């Protein structure tokens, strides 16, 4: 973990983009796609088993929590697409992009080479666009909203769990007092028998 954190810090310090997934420490083999799929399936099975063992009330809370998570994930995807569009639009106004585009227009590209050059232009547009004020403002607003939604989701789950716990407490108290009464009756019986 410490090695991974250092690697991430170093890569970001030299301007490398964030990489999704994990870093493989030296000497550790990267998992194949098949192995990753098996690991993912086992993890999902464990989670499902854990959910199945939950009491009904908690199951319902977790179901709502996952449903909210799916909606947040879909919203996040839509917003990220908007951010990409904003970066691209702003990047095309930059001097670096204009110069690269002028060079592209002078070249006589066709087929796969043309597609590759257009892809390079799009990368320049995205990189330059992410430096623009409009993009930064849009990203900050998105990040704030994302964190707010995630916190509200967690808070709602905690509130529902606390409510469920408080509803379960009286019934557990009654069950305990019932057990205590039975114990007292048994103690009285034992005393009577010993007196006899």
N, C-alpha and C. Protein backbone atom coordinates (compact mmCIF):
# COMPACT_ATOMS: atom_id res chain seq x y z
N UNK A 1 0.83 -1.20 0.00
CA UNK A 1 0.00 0.00 0.00
C UNK A 1 0.87 1.26 0.00
N UNK A 2 1.92 1.25 0.85
CA UNK A 2 2.81 2.40 0.95
C UNK A 2 3.51 2.63 -0.38
N UNK A 3 3.94 1.52 -1.01
CA UNK A 3 4.62 1.59 -2.29
C UNK A 3 3.69 2.18 -3.35
N UNK A 4 2.42 1.73 -3.35
CA UNK A 4 1.44 2.22 -4.32
C UNK A 4 1.22 3.72 -4.16
N UNK A 5 1.10 4.18 -2.92
CA UNK A 5 0.87 5.60 -2.65
C UNK A 5 2.05 6.44 -3.17
N UNK A 6 3.28 5.94 -2.93
CA UNK A 6 4.47 6.66 -3.41
C UNK A 6 4.49 6.71 -4.94
N UNK A 7 4.10 5.59 -5.55
CA UNK A 7 4.08 5.51 -7.02
C UNK A 7 3.08 6.50 -7.59
N UNK A 8 1.89 6.54 -6.97
CA UNK A 8 0.85 7.47 -7.45
C UNK A 8 1.32 8.92 -7.33
N UNK A 9 1.94 9.24 -6.18
CA UNK A 9 2.42 10.60 -5.93
C UNK A 9 3.48 10.98 -6.97
N UNK A 10 4.41 10.05 -7.23
CA UNK A 10 5.49 10.33 -8.19
C UNK A 10 4.92 10.54 -9.59
N UNK A 11 4.02 9.65 -10.02
CA UNK A 11 3.46 9.76 -11.37
C UNK A 11 2.69 11.06 -11.56
N UNK A 12 1.95 11.48 -10.51
CA UNK A 12 1.20 12.74 -10.62
C UNK A 12 2.18 13.93 -10.64
N UNK A 13 3.29 13.80 -9.87
CA UNK A 13 4.26 14.91 -9.81
C UNK A 13 4.95 15.15 -11.15
N UNK A 14 5.03 14.11 -11.99
CA UNK A 14 5.65 14.29 -13.32
C UNK A 14 4.59 14.50 -14.41
N UNK A 15 3.35 14.74 -13.96
CA UNK A 15 2.30 15.10 -14.91
C UNK A 15 1.55 13.95 -15.55
N UNK A 16 1.72 12.74 -15.01
CA UNK A 16 1.00 11.59 -15.57
C UNK A 16 -0.47 11.67 -15.15
N UNK A 17 -1.40 11.31 -16.05
CA UNK A 17 -2.82 11.32 -15.65
C UNK A 17 -3.10 10.21 -14.64
N UNK A 18 -4.20 10.36 -13.90
CA UNK A 18 -4.57 9.34 -12.92
C UNK A 18 -4.92 8.05 -13.66
N UNK A 19 -4.45 6.94 -13.14
CA UNK A 19 -4.71 5.64 -13.76
C UNK A 19 -5.72 4.89 -12.92
N UNK A 20 -6.78 4.41 -13.57
CA UNK A 20 -7.78 3.63 -12.83
C UNK A 20 -7.21 2.26 -12.50
N UNK A 21 -7.68 1.70 -11.39
CA UNK A 21 -7.22 0.37 -11.00
C UNK A 21 -6.08 0.47 -10.00
N UNK A 22 -5.35 -0.61 -9.82
CA UNK A 22 -4.29 -0.63 -8.82
C UNK A 22 -2.92 -0.73 -9.48
N UNK A 23 -1.90 -0.36 -8.73
CA UNK A 23 -0.52 -0.51 -9.19
C UNK A 23 0.00 -1.85 -8.71
N UNK A 24 0.75 -2.52 -9.56
CA UNK A 24 1.30 -3.83 -9.17
C UNK A 24 2.69 -3.63 -8.58
N UNK A 25 2.88 -3.98 -7.31
CA UNK A 25 4.20 -3.83 -6.68
C UNK A 25 5.24 -4.70 -7.40
N UNK A 26 6.53 -4.34 -7.28
CA UNK A 26 7.57 -5.14 -7.95
C UNK A 26 7.54 -6.59 -7.47
N UNK A 27 7.71 -7.50 -8.41
CA UNK A 27 7.75 -8.92 -8.06
C UNK A 27 6.37 -9.56 -8.00
N UNK A 28 5.31 -8.74 -8.08
CA UNK A 28 3.96 -9.30 -8.03
C UNK A 28 3.39 -9.34 -9.46
N UNK A 29 2.86 -10.51 -9.86
CA UNK A 29 2.36 -10.65 -11.22
C UNK A 29 0.99 -9.99 -11.38
N UNK A 30 0.81 -9.33 -12.53
CA UNK A 30 -0.49 -8.72 -12.84
C UNK A 30 -1.48 -9.85 -13.13
N UNK A 31 -2.70 -9.73 -12.63
CA UNK A 31 -3.71 -10.76 -12.87
C UNK A 31 -4.18 -10.73 -14.32
N UNK A 32 -4.49 -11.90 -14.86
CA UNK A 32 -5.04 -11.97 -16.21
C UNK A 32 -6.51 -11.56 -16.14
N UNK A 33 -7.11 -11.27 -17.30
CA UNK A 33 -8.53 -10.87 -17.34
C UNK A 33 -9.43 -11.95 -16.75
N UNK A 34 -9.07 -13.22 -17.02
CA UNK A 34 -9.84 -14.35 -16.50
C UNK A 34 -9.77 -14.41 -14.97
N UNK A 35 -8.55 -14.20 -14.43
CA UNK A 35 -8.35 -14.20 -12.98
C UNK A 35 -9.10 -13.05 -12.32
N UNK A 36 -9.08 -11.88 -12.99
CA UNK A 36 -9.80 -10.70 -12.47
C UNK A 36 -11.29 -10.98 -12.41
N UNK A 37 -11.80 -11.64 -13.46
CA UNK A 37 -13.23 -11.97 -13.52
C UNK A 37 -13.61 -12.94 -12.40
N UNK A 38 -12.76 -13.95 -12.15
CA UNK A 38 -13.01 -14.92 -11.07
C UNK A 38 -13.02 -14.20 -9.72
N UNK A 39 -12.05 -13.30 -9.52
CA UNK A 39 -11.93 -12.54 -8.27
C UNK A 39 -13.17 -11.67 -8.06
N UNK A 40 -13.61 -11.04 -9.16
CA UNK A 40 -14.79 -10.16 -9.11
C UNK A 40 -16.03 -10.96 -8.76
N UNK A 41 -16.15 -12.16 -9.40
CA UNK A 41 -17.32 -13.01 -9.16
C UNK A 41 -17.37 -13.50 -7.72
N UNK A 42 -16.21 -13.90 -7.19
CA UNK A 42 -16.14 -14.36 -5.79
C UNK A 42 -16.50 -13.24 -4.82
N UNK A 43 -16.02 -12.04 -5.13
CA UNK A 43 -16.31 -10.87 -4.29
C UNK A 43 -17.81 -10.58 -4.30
N UNK A 44 -18.43 -10.65 -5.49
CA UNK A 44 -19.88 -10.41 -5.60
C UNK A 44 -20.68 -11.47 -4.85
N UNK A 45 -20.21 -12.73 -4.93
CA UNK A 45 -20.88 -13.83 -4.21
C UNK A 45 -20.82 -13.62 -2.70
N UNK A 46 -19.64 -13.17 -2.22
CA UNK A 46 -19.47 -12.89 -0.78
C UNK A 46 -20.42 -11.78 -0.34
N UNK A 47 -20.50 -10.72 -1.15
CA UNK A 47 -21.39 -9.59 -0.82
C UNK A 47 -22.84 -10.03 -0.79
N UNK A 48 -23.21 -10.89 -1.79
CA UNK A 48 -24.60 -11.37 -1.87
C UNK A 48 -24.93 -12.24 -0.66
N UNK A 49 -23.98 -13.12 -0.29
CA UNK A 49 -24.17 -13.99 0.86
C UNK A 49 -24.36 -13.18 2.14
N UNK A 50 -23.56 -12.11 2.26
CA UNK A 50 -23.63 -11.23 3.43
C UNK A 50 -24.99 -10.52 3.47
N UNK A 51 -25.47 -10.10 2.28
CA UNK A 51 -26.78 -9.43 2.21
C UNK A 51 -27.91 -10.37 2.57
N UNK A 52 -27.79 -11.62 2.09
CA UNK A 52 -28.83 -12.64 2.35
C UNK A 52 -28.96 -12.95 3.84
N UNK A 53 -27.84 -12.85 4.56
CA UNK A 53 -27.84 -13.16 5.99
C UNK A 53 -28.38 -12.01 6.85
N UNK A 54 -28.56 -10.85 6.22
CA UNK A 54 -29.06 -9.68 6.97
C UNK A 54 -30.52 -9.85 7.35
N UNK A 55 -30.95 -9.22 8.47
CA UNK A 55 -32.38 -9.20 8.80
C UNK A 55 -33.15 -8.42 7.72
N UNK A 56 -34.46 -8.67 7.58
CA UNK A 56 -35.25 -8.07 6.51
C UNK A 56 -35.16 -6.55 6.48
N UNK A 57 -35.22 -5.91 7.65
CA UNK A 57 -35.16 -4.44 7.71
C UNK A 57 -33.88 -3.90 7.12
N UNK A 58 -32.76 -4.52 7.49
CA UNK A 58 -31.46 -4.09 6.98
C UNK A 58 -31.33 -4.37 5.49
N UNK A 59 -31.91 -5.48 5.05
CA UNK A 59 -31.89 -5.83 3.61
C UNK A 59 -32.52 -4.72 2.78
N UNK A 60 -33.66 -4.22 3.27
CA UNK A 60 -34.40 -3.16 2.57
C UNK A 60 -33.57 -1.87 2.50
N UNK A 61 -32.89 -1.55 3.62
CA UNK A 61 -32.04 -0.35 3.66
C UNK A 61 -30.90 -0.47 2.65
N UNK A 62 -30.26 -1.66 2.61
CA UNK A 62 -29.14 -1.89 1.69
C UNK A 62 -29.60 -1.85 0.23
N UNK A 63 -30.81 -2.36 -0.02
CA UNK A 63 -31.38 -2.36 -1.37
C UNK A 63 -31.56 -0.92 -1.87
N UNK A 64 -32.12 -0.08 -0.99
CA UNK A 64 -32.31 1.34 -1.33
C UNK A 64 -30.97 2.04 -1.53
N UNK A 65 -30.00 1.69 -0.67
CA UNK A 65 -28.66 2.28 -0.74
C UNK A 65 -28.00 1.97 -2.09
N UNK A 66 -28.12 0.70 -2.53
CA UNK A 66 -27.54 0.30 -3.83
C UNK A 66 -28.26 0.97 -4.99
N UNK A 67 -29.59 1.09 -4.86
CA UNK A 67 -30.38 1.74 -5.91
C UNK A 67 -29.98 3.21 -6.06
N UNK A 68 -29.80 3.89 -4.91
CA UNK A 68 -29.35 5.29 -4.93
C UNK A 68 -27.96 5.39 -5.54
N UNK A 69 -27.10 4.42 -5.21
CA UNK A 69 -25.73 4.40 -5.74
C UNK A 69 -25.73 4.28 -7.26
N UNK A 70 -26.65 3.47 -7.77
CA UNK A 70 -26.75 3.28 -9.23
C UNK A 70 -27.17 4.59 -9.90
N UNK A 71 -28.13 5.28 -9.27
CA UNK A 71 -28.61 6.55 -9.83
C UNK A 71 -27.50 7.61 -9.81
N UNK A 72 -26.72 7.63 -8.70
CA UNK A 72 -25.61 8.59 -8.60
C UNK A 72 -24.55 8.28 -9.66
N UNK A 73 -24.30 6.98 -9.88
CA UNK A 73 -23.31 6.55 -10.87
C UNK A 73 -23.73 6.98 -12.29
N UNK A 74 -25.03 6.83 -12.59
CA UNK A 74 -25.55 7.25 -13.91
C UNK A 74 -25.45 8.76 -14.08
N UNK A 75 -25.78 9.49 -13.00
CA UNK A 75 -25.68 10.96 -13.03
C UNK A 75 -24.22 11.38 -13.25
N UNK A 76 -23.31 10.71 -12.53
CA UNK A 76 -21.87 11.01 -12.63
C UNK A 76 -21.37 10.81 -14.06
N UNK A 77 -21.83 9.72 -14.68
CA UNK A 77 -21.43 9.41 -16.06
C UNK A 77 -21.88 10.53 -17.01
N UNK A 78 -23.13 10.98 -16.84
CA UNK A 78 -23.67 12.05 -17.70
C UNK A 78 -22.87 13.35 -17.51
N UNK A 79 -22.57 13.67 -16.24
CA UNK A 79 -21.84 14.90 -15.94
C UNK A 79 -20.40 14.85 -16.47
N UNK A 80 -19.78 13.67 -16.40
CA UNK A 80 -18.41 13.53 -16.92
C UNK A 80 -18.37 13.72 -18.43
N UNK A 81 -19.42 13.25 -19.11
CA UNK A 81 -19.52 13.46 -20.57
C UNK A 81 -19.63 14.95 -20.88
N UNK A 82 -20.43 15.67 -20.06
CA UNK A 82 -20.57 17.13 -20.24
C UNK A 82 -19.23 17.82 -20.03
N UNK A 83 -18.48 17.36 -19.02
CA UNK A 83 -17.16 17.95 -18.73
C UNK A 83 -16.20 17.73 -19.90
N UNK A 84 -16.26 16.51 -20.48
CA UNK A 84 -15.40 16.22 -21.64
C UNK A 84 -15.72 17.17 -22.79
N UNK A 85 -17.03 17.39 -23.01
CA UNK A 85 -17.47 18.29 -24.09
C UNK A 85 -16.98 19.71 -23.82
N UNK A 86 -17.11 20.16 -22.55
CA UNK A 86 -16.65 21.51 -22.18
C UNK A 86 -15.15 21.65 -22.42
N UNK A 87 -14.37 20.65 -22.00
CA UNK A 87 -12.91 20.68 -22.19
C UNK A 87 -12.56 20.74 -23.66
N UNK A 88 -13.26 19.95 -24.46
CA UNK A 88 -13.01 19.90 -25.91
C UNK A 88 -13.32 21.25 -26.57
N UNK A 89 -14.47 21.83 -26.17
CA UNK A 89 -14.88 23.12 -26.74
C UNK A 89 -13.87 24.22 -26.40
N UNK A 90 -13.47 24.26 -25.12
CA UNK A 90 -12.53 25.28 -24.66
C UNK A 90 -11.15 25.07 -25.26
N UNK A 91 -10.74 23.79 -25.36
CA UNK A 91 -9.42 23.46 -25.89
C UNK A 91 -9.24 23.86 -27.34
N UNK A 92 -10.32 23.79 -28.12
CA UNK A 92 -10.25 24.16 -29.54
C UNK A 92 -9.98 25.65 -29.76
N UNK A 93 -10.22 26.42 -28.70
CA UNK A 93 -9.97 27.88 -28.79
C UNK A 93 -8.51 28.20 -28.50
N UNK A 94 -7.77 27.23 -27.94
CA UNK A 94 -6.39 27.49 -27.51
C UNK A 94 -5.44 27.63 -28.69
N UNK A 95 -4.35 28.35 -28.42
CA UNK A 95 -3.33 28.60 -29.44
C UNK A 95 -2.66 27.29 -29.87
N UNK A 96 -2.35 26.44 -28.89
CA UNK A 96 -1.69 25.16 -29.18
C UNK A 96 -2.53 24.31 -30.13
N UNK A 97 -3.85 24.28 -29.88
CA UNK A 97 -4.75 23.49 -30.74
C UNK A 97 -4.81 24.08 -32.14
N UNK A 98 -4.92 25.41 -32.21
CA UNK A 98 -5.02 26.09 -33.52
C UNK A 98 -3.79 25.81 -34.39
N UNK A 99 -2.63 25.84 -33.73
CA UNK A 99 -1.37 25.55 -34.46
C UNK A 99 -1.35 24.10 -34.94
N UNK A 100 -1.72 23.17 -34.07
CA UNK A 100 -1.73 21.74 -34.42
C UNK A 100 -2.74 21.47 -35.53
N UNK A 101 -3.87 22.18 -35.48
CA UNK A 101 -4.92 21.98 -36.50
C UNK A 101 -4.45 22.50 -37.86
N UNK A 102 -3.71 23.62 -37.84
CA UNK A 102 -3.17 24.20 -39.10
C UNK A 102 -2.21 23.21 -39.75
N UNK A 103 -1.37 22.58 -38.94
CA UNK A 103 -0.41 21.56 -39.44
C UNK A 103 -1.19 20.38 -40.02
N UNK A 104 -2.25 19.96 -39.31
CA UNK A 104 -3.09 18.83 -39.76
C UNK A 104 -3.72 19.13 -41.12
N UNK A 105 -4.21 20.35 -41.30
CA UNK A 105 -4.87 20.73 -42.56
C UNK A 105 -3.90 20.72 -43.74
N UNK A 106 -2.64 21.03 -43.45
CA UNK A 106 -1.63 21.04 -44.52
C UNK A 106 -1.21 19.62 -44.94
N UNK A 107 -1.35 18.69 -44.02
CA UNK A 107 -0.98 17.29 -44.30
C UNK A 107 -2.02 16.61 -45.17
N UNK A 108 -1.57 15.61 -45.90
CA UNK A 108 -2.49 14.88 -46.79
C UNK A 108 -2.77 13.51 -46.18
N UNK A 109 -3.57 13.50 -45.11
CA UNK A 109 -3.83 12.26 -44.38
C UNK A 109 -5.06 11.54 -44.92
N UNK A 110 -5.02 10.21 -44.80
CA UNK A 110 -6.19 9.41 -45.21
C UNK A 110 -6.28 8.16 -44.34
N UNK A 111 -7.50 7.61 -44.29
CA UNK A 111 -7.72 6.34 -43.58
C UNK A 111 -7.32 6.37 -42.12
N UNK A 112 -6.58 5.31 -41.70
CA UNK A 112 -6.20 5.15 -40.30
C UNK A 112 -5.26 6.26 -39.82
N UNK A 113 -4.43 6.77 -40.73
CA UNK A 113 -3.50 7.85 -40.36
C UNK A 113 -4.28 9.13 -40.02
N UNK A 114 -5.32 9.39 -40.81
CA UNK A 114 -6.17 10.57 -40.56
C UNK A 114 -6.88 10.44 -39.20
N UNK A 115 -7.38 9.23 -38.93
CA UNK A 115 -8.06 8.98 -37.66
C UNK A 115 -7.09 9.19 -36.48
N UNK A 116 -5.85 8.71 -36.64
CA UNK A 116 -4.83 8.84 -35.59
C UNK A 116 -4.51 10.32 -35.33
N UNK A 117 -4.41 11.10 -36.42
CA UNK A 117 -4.10 12.53 -36.27
C UNK A 117 -5.27 13.28 -35.62
N UNK A 118 -6.48 12.92 -35.98
CA UNK A 118 -7.66 13.54 -35.38
C UNK A 118 -7.74 13.22 -33.88
N UNK A 119 -7.35 11.98 -33.54
CA UNK A 119 -7.32 11.55 -32.14
C UNK A 119 -6.30 12.38 -31.35
N UNK A 120 -5.13 12.64 -31.97
CA UNK A 120 -4.11 13.48 -31.33
C UNK A 120 -4.64 14.89 -31.10
N UNK A 121 -5.35 15.42 -32.10
CA UNK A 121 -5.93 16.76 -31.97
C UNK A 121 -6.94 16.82 -30.82
N UNK A 122 -7.74 15.76 -30.69
CA UNK A 122 -8.73 15.70 -29.61
C UNK A 122 -8.05 15.66 -28.24
N UNK A 123 -6.93 14.96 -28.17
CA UNK A 123 -6.16 14.90 -26.90
C UNK A 123 -5.64 16.28 -26.53
N UNK A 124 -5.13 17.00 -27.54
CA UNK A 124 -4.62 18.37 -27.31
C UNK A 124 -5.76 19.26 -26.83
N UNK A 125 -6.92 19.14 -27.50
CA UNK A 125 -8.08 19.95 -27.12
C UNK A 125 -8.48 19.69 -25.67
N UNK A 126 -8.51 18.39 -25.28
CA UNK A 126 -8.89 18.03 -23.91
C UNK A 126 -7.89 18.57 -22.88
N UNK A 127 -6.59 18.38 -23.18
CA UNK A 127 -5.54 18.85 -22.25
C UNK A 127 -5.59 20.36 -22.07
N UNK A 128 -5.71 21.07 -23.19
CA UNK A 128 -5.74 22.53 -23.13
C UNK A 128 -7.04 23.03 -22.50
N UNK A 129 -8.14 22.34 -22.82
CA UNK A 129 -9.45 22.74 -22.29
C UNK A 129 -9.54 22.62 -20.78
N UNK A 130 -8.85 21.60 -20.22
CA UNK A 130 -8.86 21.38 -18.77
C UNK A 130 -8.13 22.48 -18.00
N UNK A 131 -7.36 23.31 -18.73
CA UNK A 131 -6.67 24.44 -18.09
C UNK A 131 -7.55 25.69 -18.07
N UNK A 132 -8.65 25.66 -18.83
CA UNK A 132 -9.51 26.86 -18.95
C UNK A 132 -10.31 27.11 -17.68
N UNK A 133 -10.68 28.36 -17.48
CA UNK A 133 -11.46 28.76 -16.30
C UNK A 133 -12.85 28.13 -16.34
N UNK A 134 -13.45 28.09 -17.53
CA UNK A 134 -14.80 27.53 -17.66
C UNK A 134 -14.83 26.07 -17.23
N UNK A 135 -13.81 25.31 -17.67
CA UNK A 135 -13.73 23.90 -17.30
C UNK A 135 -13.53 23.74 -15.79
N UNK A 136 -12.59 24.54 -15.24
CA UNK A 136 -12.30 24.44 -13.80
C UNK A 136 -13.53 24.72 -12.95
N UNK A 137 -14.30 25.76 -13.35
CA UNK A 137 -15.53 26.10 -12.62
C UNK A 137 -16.54 24.95 -12.71
N UNK A 138 -16.69 24.40 -13.93
CA UNK A 138 -17.64 23.29 -14.14
C UNK A 138 -17.22 22.06 -13.35
N UNK A 139 -15.91 21.79 -13.33
CA UNK A 139 -15.41 20.61 -12.60
C UNK A 139 -15.62 20.78 -11.10
N UNK A 140 -15.30 21.97 -10.57
CA UNK A 140 -15.47 22.22 -9.13
C UNK A 140 -16.92 22.08 -8.69
N UNK A 141 -17.83 22.58 -9.56
CA UNK A 141 -19.27 22.46 -9.25
C UNK A 141 -19.69 20.99 -9.25
N UNK A 142 -19.18 20.24 -10.23
CA UNK A 142 -19.48 18.80 -10.32
C UNK A 142 -18.93 18.05 -9.11
N UNK A 143 -17.68 18.35 -8.73
CA UNK A 143 -17.03 17.67 -7.61
C UNK A 143 -17.77 17.93 -6.29
N UNK A 144 -18.20 19.19 -6.12
CA UNK A 144 -18.94 19.56 -4.91
C UNK A 144 -20.28 18.81 -4.83
N UNK A 145 -20.97 18.77 -5.97
CA UNK A 145 -22.26 18.08 -6.06
C UNK A 145 -22.09 16.57 -5.82
N UNK A 146 -21.02 16.00 -6.40
CA UNK A 146 -20.75 14.56 -6.27
C UNK A 146 -20.52 14.18 -4.80
N UNK A 147 -19.67 14.97 -4.14
CA UNK A 147 -19.38 14.72 -2.72
C UNK A 147 -20.63 14.90 -1.86
N UNK A 148 -21.42 15.92 -2.19
CA UNK A 148 -22.66 16.18 -1.46
C UNK A 148 -23.65 15.04 -1.57
N UNK A 149 -23.80 14.52 -2.80
CA UNK A 149 -24.72 13.39 -3.03
C UNK A 149 -24.25 12.13 -2.30
N UNK A 150 -22.94 11.88 -2.35
CA UNK A 150 -22.39 10.69 -1.68
C UNK A 150 -22.59 10.78 -0.17
N UNK A 151 -22.38 11.98 0.39
CA UNK A 151 -22.53 12.17 1.84
C UNK A 151 -24.01 12.02 2.24
N UNK A 152 -24.90 12.61 1.42
CA UNK A 152 -26.33 12.53 1.72
C UNK A 152 -26.80 11.08 1.70
N UNK A 153 -26.25 10.29 0.76
CA UNK A 153 -26.60 8.87 0.65
C UNK A 153 -26.14 8.10 1.89
N UNK A 154 -24.90 8.36 2.32
CA UNK A 154 -24.36 7.70 3.52
C UNK A 154 -25.15 8.10 4.76
N UNK A 155 -25.45 9.41 4.87
CA UNK A 155 -26.20 9.92 6.03
C UNK A 155 -27.59 9.31 6.12
N UNK A 156 -28.23 9.17 4.94
CA UNK A 156 -29.58 8.59 4.90
C UNK A 156 -29.56 7.14 5.35
N UNK A 157 -28.53 6.39 4.92
CA UNK A 157 -28.40 4.98 5.34
C UNK A 157 -28.18 4.89 6.86
N UNK A 158 -27.31 5.78 7.38
CA UNK A 158 -27.02 5.78 8.82
C UNK A 158 -28.28 6.12 9.62
N UNK A 159 -29.07 7.09 9.10
CA UNK A 159 -30.30 7.51 9.79
C UNK A 159 -31.31 6.35 9.83
N UNK A 160 -31.46 5.67 8.70
CA UNK A 160 -32.41 4.54 8.62
C UNK A 160 -31.97 3.38 9.52
N UNK A 161 -30.66 3.13 9.56
CA UNK A 161 -30.13 2.06 10.42
C UNK A 161 -30.38 2.37 11.89
N UNK A 162 -30.14 3.65 12.26
CA UNK A 162 -30.35 4.06 13.65
C UNK A 162 -31.82 3.92 14.04
N UNK A 163 -32.70 4.29 13.09
CA UNK A 163 -34.16 4.19 13.33
C UNK A 163 -34.56 2.73 13.51
N UNK A 164 -34.02 1.86 12.65
CA UNK A 164 -34.32 0.43 12.72
C UNK A 164 -33.83 -0.15 14.06
N UNK A 165 -32.64 0.28 14.47
CA UNK A 165 -32.06 -0.20 15.72
C UNK A 165 -32.93 0.20 16.91
N UNK A 166 -33.41 1.47 16.88
CA UNK A 166 -34.24 1.96 18.00
C UNK A 166 -35.59 1.25 18.04
N UNK A 167 -36.10 0.84 16.84
CA UNK A 167 -37.37 0.10 16.79
C UNK A 167 -37.19 -1.32 17.31
N UNK A 168 -36.01 -1.89 17.04
CA UNK A 168 -35.73 -3.27 17.47
C UNK A 168 -35.44 -3.34 18.97
N UNK A 169 -34.91 -2.24 19.55
CA UNK A 169 -34.49 -2.22 20.96
C UNK A 169 -35.62 -2.57 21.93
N UNK A 170 -36.85 -1.95 21.81
CA UNK A 170 -37.91 -2.31 22.77
C UNK A 170 -38.30 -3.79 22.73
N UNK A 171 -38.39 -4.36 21.52
CA UNK A 171 -38.76 -5.78 21.41
C UNK A 171 -37.70 -6.67 22.03
N UNK A 172 -36.41 -6.27 21.86
CA UNK A 172 -35.32 -7.04 22.48
C UNK A 172 -35.37 -6.91 24.00
N UNK A 173 -35.76 -5.70 24.47
CA UNK A 173 -35.89 -5.44 25.91
C UNK A 173 -36.97 -6.32 26.52
N UNK A 174 -38.14 -6.40 25.77
CA UNK A 174 -39.27 -7.23 26.22
C UNK A 174 -38.85 -8.70 26.28
N UNK A 175 -38.10 -9.12 25.26
CA UNK A 175 -37.63 -10.51 25.18
C UNK A 175 -36.73 -10.82 26.37
N UNK A 176 -35.82 -9.83 26.70
CA UNK A 176 -34.92 -10.01 27.83
C UNK A 176 -35.67 -10.08 29.15
N UNK A 177 -36.67 -9.16 29.32
CA UNK A 177 -37.43 -9.14 30.58
C UNK A 177 -38.26 -10.42 30.72
N UNK A 178 -38.76 -10.96 29.59
CA UNK A 178 -39.49 -12.23 29.59
C UNK A 178 -38.60 -13.36 30.04
N UNK A 179 -37.38 -13.36 29.55
CA UNK A 179 -36.40 -14.38 29.94
C UNK A 179 -36.06 -14.27 31.43
N UNK A 180 -35.97 -12.99 31.91
CA UNK A 180 -35.67 -12.76 33.33
C UNK A 180 -36.78 -13.29 34.22
N UNK A 181 -38.06 -13.06 33.76
CA UNK A 181 -39.22 -13.55 34.54
C UNK A 181 -39.19 -15.06 34.65
N UNK A 182 -38.90 -15.73 33.51
CA UNK A 182 -38.82 -17.20 33.50
C UNK A 182 -37.72 -17.68 34.46
N UNK A 183 -36.58 -16.92 34.45
CA UNK A 183 -35.45 -17.28 35.32
C UNK A 183 -35.85 -17.15 36.79
N UNK A 184 -36.58 -16.05 37.12
CA UNK A 184 -37.02 -15.82 38.50
C UNK A 184 -37.95 -16.95 38.96
N UNK A 185 -38.90 -17.33 38.05
CA UNK A 185 -39.84 -18.41 38.39
C UNK A 185 -39.10 -19.72 38.66
N UNK A 186 -38.08 -19.98 37.84
CA UNK A 186 -37.27 -21.20 38.01
C UNK A 186 -36.54 -21.17 39.34
N UNK A 187 -36.02 -19.97 39.70
CA UNK A 187 -35.29 -19.81 40.97
C UNK A 187 -36.22 -20.09 42.16
N UNK A 188 -37.48 -19.56 42.07
CA UNK A 188 -38.47 -19.78 43.14
C UNK A 188 -38.76 -21.27 43.29
N UNK A 189 -38.94 -21.96 42.14
CA UNK A 189 -39.21 -23.40 42.13
C UNK A 189 -38.08 -24.16 42.84
N UNK A 190 -36.85 -23.77 42.48
CA UNK A 190 -35.67 -24.43 43.07
C UNK A 190 -35.65 -24.26 44.59
N UNK A 191 -36.01 -23.01 45.04
CA UNK A 191 -36.03 -22.73 46.48
C UNK A 191 -37.08 -23.58 47.19
N UNK A 192 -38.30 -23.67 46.57
CA UNK A 192 -39.40 -24.46 47.15
C UNK A 192 -38.99 -25.91 47.30
N UNK A 193 -38.35 -26.42 46.20
CA UNK A 193 -37.94 -27.83 46.21
C UNK A 193 -36.90 -28.09 47.30
N UNK A 194 -35.97 -27.10 47.46
CA UNK A 194 -34.92 -27.29 48.47
C UNK A 194 -35.50 -27.23 49.88
N UNK A 195 -36.55 -26.38 50.08
CA UNK A 195 -37.19 -26.29 51.40
C UNK A 195 -37.90 -27.59 51.75
N UNK A 196 -38.53 -28.17 50.72
CA UNK A 196 -39.23 -29.45 50.94
C UNK A 196 -38.22 -30.53 51.31
